[in-house]
PDB file of N, CA and C in Angstrom:
ATOM      1  N   UNK A   1     122.779 102.507  96.314  1.00  0.00           N
ATOM      2  CA  UNK A   1     121.450 102.047  96.653  1.00  0.00           C
ATOM      3  C   UNK A   1     121.540 101.090  97.840  1.00  0.00           C
ATOM      4  N   UNK A   2     120.608 101.182  98.763  1.00  0.00           N
ATOM      5  CA  UNK A   2     120.609 100.367  99.965  1.00  0.00           C
ATOM      6  C   UNK A   2     120.162  98.945  99.652  1.00  0.00           C
ATOM      7  N   UNK A   3     120.834  97.976 100.271  1.00  0.00           N
ATOM      8  CA  UNK A   3     120.483  96.569 100.096  1.00  0.00           C
ATOM      9  C   UNK A   3     119.603  96.129 101.269  1.00  0.00           C
ATOM     10  N   UNK A   4     118.381  95.728 100.976  1.00  0.00           N
ATOM     11  CA  UNK A   4     117.430  95.317 102.003  1.00  0.00           C
ATOM     12  C   UNK A   4     117.219  93.805 102.031  1.00  0.00           C
ATOM     13  N   UNK A   5     118.056  93.033 101.353  1.00  0.00           N
ATOM     14  CA  UNK A   5     117.857  91.585 101.246  1.00  0.00           C
ATOM     15  C   UNK A   5     117.927  90.864 102.586  1.00  0.00           C
ATOM     16  N   UNK A   6     118.503  91.483 103.602  1.00  0.00           N
ATOM     17  CA  UNK A   6     118.560  90.873 104.932  1.00  0.00           C
ATOM     18  C   UNK A   6     117.523  91.465 105.873  1.00  0.00           C
ATOM     19  N   UNK A   7     116.615  92.259 105.349  1.00  0.00           N
ATOM     20  CA  UNK A   7     115.594  92.927 106.155  1.00  0.00           C
ATOM     21  C   UNK A   7     114.219  92.325 105.880  1.00  0.00           C
ATOM     22  N   UNK A   8     113.312  92.496 106.836  1.00  0.00           N
ATOM     23  CA  UNK A   8     111.918  92.088 106.683  1.00  0.00           C
ATOM     24  C   UNK A   8     111.063  93.329 106.471  1.00  0.00           C
ATOM     25  N   UNK A   9     109.869  93.128 105.905  1.00  0.00           N
ATOM     26  CA  UNK A   9     108.982  94.261 105.643  1.00  0.00           C
ATOM     27  C   UNK A   9     107.539  93.889 105.964  1.00  0.00           C
ATOM     28  N   UNK A  10     106.772  94.889 106.331  1.00  0.00           N
ATOM     29  CA  UNK A  10     105.337  94.760 106.545  1.00  0.00           C
ATOM     30  C   UNK A  10     104.650  95.737 105.605  1.00  0.00           C
ATOM     31  N   UNK A  11     103.729  95.225 104.781  1.00  0.00           N
ATOM     32  CA  UNK A  11     102.989  96.060 103.834  1.00  0.00           C
ATOM     33  C   UNK A  11     101.539  96.111 104.281  1.00  0.00           C
ATOM     34  N   UNK A  12     101.019  97.314 104.478  1.00  0.00           N
ATOM     35  CA  UNK A  12      99.594  97.483 104.761  1.00  0.00           C
ATOM     36  C   UNK A  12      98.869  97.383 103.433  1.00  0.00           C
ATOM     37  N   UNK A  13      98.048  96.357 103.288  1.00  0.00           N
ATOM     38  CA  UNK A  13      97.516  95.973 101.984  1.00  0.00           C
ATOM     39  C   UNK A  13      96.006  96.166 101.927  1.00  0.00           C
ATOM     40  N   UNK A  14      95.553  97.055 101.013  1.00  0.00           N
ATOM     41  CA  UNK A  14      94.119  97.294 100.842  1.00  0.00           C
ATOM     42  C   UNK A  14      93.541  96.476  99.703  1.00  0.00           C
ATOM     43  N   UNK A  15      94.401  95.975  98.831  1.00  0.00           N
ATOM     44  CA  UNK A  15      93.940  95.241  97.659  1.00  0.00           C
ATOM     45  C   UNK A  15      93.830  96.105  96.423  1.00  0.00           C
ATOM     46  N   UNK A  16      94.057  97.399  96.572  1.00  0.00           N
ATOM     47  CA  UNK A  16      93.996  98.318  95.441  1.00  0.00           C
ATOM     48  C   UNK A  16      95.289  98.312  94.642  1.00  0.00           C
ATOM     49  N   UNK A  17      95.308  99.117  93.607  1.00  0.00           N
ATOM     50  CA  UNK A  17      96.457  99.155  92.702  1.00  0.00           C
ATOM     51  C   UNK A  17      97.731  99.631  93.405  1.00  0.00           C
ATOM     52  N   UNK A  18      97.623 100.646  94.241  1.00  0.00           N
ATOM     53  CA  UNK A  18      98.815 101.189  94.913  1.00  0.00           C
ATOM     54  C   UNK A  18      99.436 100.177  95.874  1.00  0.00           C
ATOM     55  N   UNK A  19      98.622  99.583  96.740  1.00  0.00           N
ATOM     56  CA  UNK A  19      99.194  98.645  97.709  1.00  0.00           C
ATOM     57  C   UNK A  19      99.640  97.349  97.037  1.00  0.00           C
ATOM     58  N   UNK A  20      99.009  96.965  95.940  1.00  0.00           N
ATOM     59  CA  UNK A  20      99.456  95.793  95.183  1.00  0.00           C
ATOM     60  C   UNK A  20     100.828  96.047  94.577  1.00  0.00           C
ATOM     61  N   UNK A  21     101.038  97.253  94.051  1.00  0.00           N
ATOM     62  CA  UNK A  21     102.344  97.627  93.507  1.00  0.00           C
ATOM     63  C   UNK A  21     103.399  97.637  94.609  1.00  0.00           C
ATOM     64  N   UNK A  22     103.064  98.179  95.770  1.00  0.00           N
ATOM     65  CA  UNK A  22     104.000  98.191  96.897  1.00  0.00           C
ATOM     66  C   UNK A  22     104.344  96.775  97.348  1.00  0.00           C
ATOM     67  N   UNK A  23     103.357  95.892  97.376  1.00  0.00           N
ATOM     68  CA  UNK A  23     103.602  94.508  97.766  1.00  0.00           C
ATOM     69  C   UNK A  23     104.526  93.819  96.767  1.00  0.00           C
ATOM     70  N   UNK A  24     104.295  94.028  95.487  1.00  0.00           N
ATOM     71  CA  UNK A  24     105.145  93.457  94.440  1.00  0.00           C
ATOM     72  C   UNK A  24     106.585  93.940  94.595  1.00  0.00           C
ATOM     73  N   UNK A  25     106.761  95.249  94.799  1.00  0.00           N
ATOM     74  CA  UNK A  25     108.098  95.816  94.984  1.00  0.00           C
ATOM     75  C   UNK A  25     108.766  95.235  96.229  1.00  0.00           C
ATOM     76  N   UNK A  26     108.016  95.153  97.324  1.00  0.00           N
ATOM     77  CA  UNK A  26     108.577  94.641  98.573  1.00  0.00           C
ATOM     78  C   UNK A  26     109.018  93.189  98.429  1.00  0.00           C
ATOM     79  N   UNK A  27     108.243  92.377  97.725  1.00  0.00           N
ATOM     80  CA  UNK A  27     108.607  90.970  97.522  1.00  0.00           C
ATOM     81  C   UNK A  27     109.913  90.839  96.750  1.00  0.00           C
ATOM     82  N   UNK A  28     110.200  91.785  95.876  1.00  0.00           N
ATOM     83  CA  UNK A  28     111.443  91.752  95.109  1.00  0.00           C
ATOM     84  C   UNK A  28     112.619  92.358  95.873  1.00  0.00           C
ATOM     85  N   UNK A  29     112.337  93.122  96.915  1.00  0.00           N
ATOM     86  CA  UNK A  29     113.365  93.903  97.588  1.00  0.00           C
ATOM     87  C   UNK A  29     113.789  93.326  98.935  1.00  0.00           C
ATOM     88  N   UNK A  30     112.856  92.796  99.714  1.00  0.00           N
ATOM     89  CA  UNK A  30     113.117  92.356 101.077  1.00  0.00           C
ATOM     90  C   UNK A  30     113.192  90.835 101.185  1.00  0.00           C
ATOM     91  N   UNK A  31     113.839  90.372 102.246  1.00  0.00           N
ATOM     92  CA  UNK A  31     113.992  88.940 102.494  1.00  0.00           C
ATOM     93  C   UNK A  31     112.648  88.281 102.791  1.00  0.00           C
ATOM     94  N   UNK A  32     111.880  88.892 103.659  1.00  0.00           N
ATOM     95  CA  UNK A  32     110.594  88.338 104.073  1.00  0.00           C
ATOM     96  C   UNK A  32     109.581  89.476 104.101  1.00  0.00           C
ATOM     97  N   UNK A  33     108.397  89.237 103.546  1.00  0.00           N
ATOM     98  CA  UNK A  33     107.359  90.271 103.487  1.00  0.00           C
ATOM     99  C   UNK A  33     106.062  89.710 104.056  1.00  0.00           C
ATOM    100  N   UNK A  34     105.461  90.453 104.957  1.00  0.00           N
ATOM    101  CA  UNK A  34     104.140  90.141 105.499  1.00  0.00           C
ATOM    102  C   UNK A  34     103.182  91.214 105.004  1.00  0.00           C
ATOM    103  N   UNK A  35     101.983  90.801 104.612  1.00  0.00           N
ATOM    104  CA  UNK A  35     100.946  91.748 104.192  1.00  0.00           C
ATOM    105  C   UNK A  35      99.853  91.754 105.251  1.00  0.00           C
ATOM    106  N   UNK A  36      99.471  92.936 105.682  1.00  0.00           N
ATOM    107  CA  UNK A  36      98.436  93.090 106.693  1.00  0.00           C
ATOM    108  C   UNK A  36      97.217  93.722 106.043  1.00  0.00           C
ATOM    109  N   UNK A  37      96.103  93.016 106.127  1.00  0.00           N
ATOM    110  CA  UNK A  37      94.845  93.493 105.557  1.00  0.00           C
ATOM    111  C   UNK A  37      93.759  93.271 106.601  1.00  0.00           C
ATOM    112  N   UNK A  38      92.871  94.222 106.769  1.00  0.00           N
ATOM    113  CA  UNK A  38      91.787  94.039 107.721  1.00  0.00           C
ATOM    114  C   UNK A  38      90.512  94.659 107.181  1.00  0.00           C
ATOM    115  N   UNK A  39      89.406  94.110 107.622  1.00  0.00           N
ATOM    116  CA  UNK A  39      88.094  94.611 107.212  1.00  0.00           C
ATOM    117  C   UNK A  39      87.552  95.523 108.307  1.00  0.00           C
ATOM    118  N   UNK A  40      87.169  96.721 107.919  1.00  0.00           N
ATOM    119  CA  UNK A  40      86.602  97.650 108.894  1.00  0.00           C
ATOM    120  C   UNK A  40      85.173  98.035 108.541  1.00  0.00           C
ATOM    121  N   UNK A  41      84.512  97.205 107.712  1.00  0.00           N
ATOM    122  CA  UNK A  41      83.099  97.390 107.431  1.00  0.00           C
ATOM    123  C   UNK A  41      82.780  98.399 106.349  1.00  0.00           C
ATOM    124  N   UNK A  42      83.719  98.688 105.454  1.00  0.00           N
ATOM    125  CA  UNK A  42      83.440  99.649 104.392  1.00  0.00           C
ATOM    126  C   UNK A  42      82.361  99.098 103.454  1.00  0.00           C
ATOM    127  N   UNK A  43      81.507  99.962 102.929  1.00  0.00           N
ATOM    128  CA  UNK A  43      80.381  99.539 102.101  1.00  0.00           C
ATOM    129  C   UNK A  43      80.806  99.030 100.740  1.00  0.00           C
ATOM    130  N   UNK A  44      81.895  99.520 100.195  1.00  0.00           N
ATOM    131  CA  UNK A  44      82.305  99.155  98.843  1.00  0.00           C
ATOM    132  C   UNK A  44      83.207  97.924  98.791  1.00  0.00           C
ATOM    133  N   UNK A  45      83.403  97.256  99.917  1.00  0.00           N
ATOM    134  CA  UNK A  45      84.300  96.102  99.953  1.00  0.00           C
ATOM    135  C   UNK A  45      83.727  94.931  99.164  1.00  0.00           C
ATOM    136  N   UNK A  46      84.573  94.347  98.301  1.00  0.00           N
ATOM    137  CA  UNK A  46      84.168  93.174  97.527  1.00  0.00           C
ATOM    138  C   UNK A  46      84.919  91.929  97.959  1.00  0.00           C
ATOM    139  N   UNK A  47      85.738  92.030  98.984  1.00  0.00           N
ATOM    140  CA  UNK A  47      86.552  90.898  99.429  1.00  0.00           C
ATOM    141  C   UNK A  47      85.713  89.863 100.133  1.00  0.00           C
TER     142      UNK A  47
END
C-alpha cells in the first residue's frame, strides 16, 4: 500500500455524504488537506 503521509491533498467538497467521506479519508491519509468549496447559485443550497 502506498504511503501518502508526506503528500498534500485537495478535496473538492460539496458538503454531501460522498465528499464528506472523501474528506475524512484524506485527513487520515495525507499530511495536509485543503477542502475547496464554492457556491455557483444552485437553488437547493442550504449553506
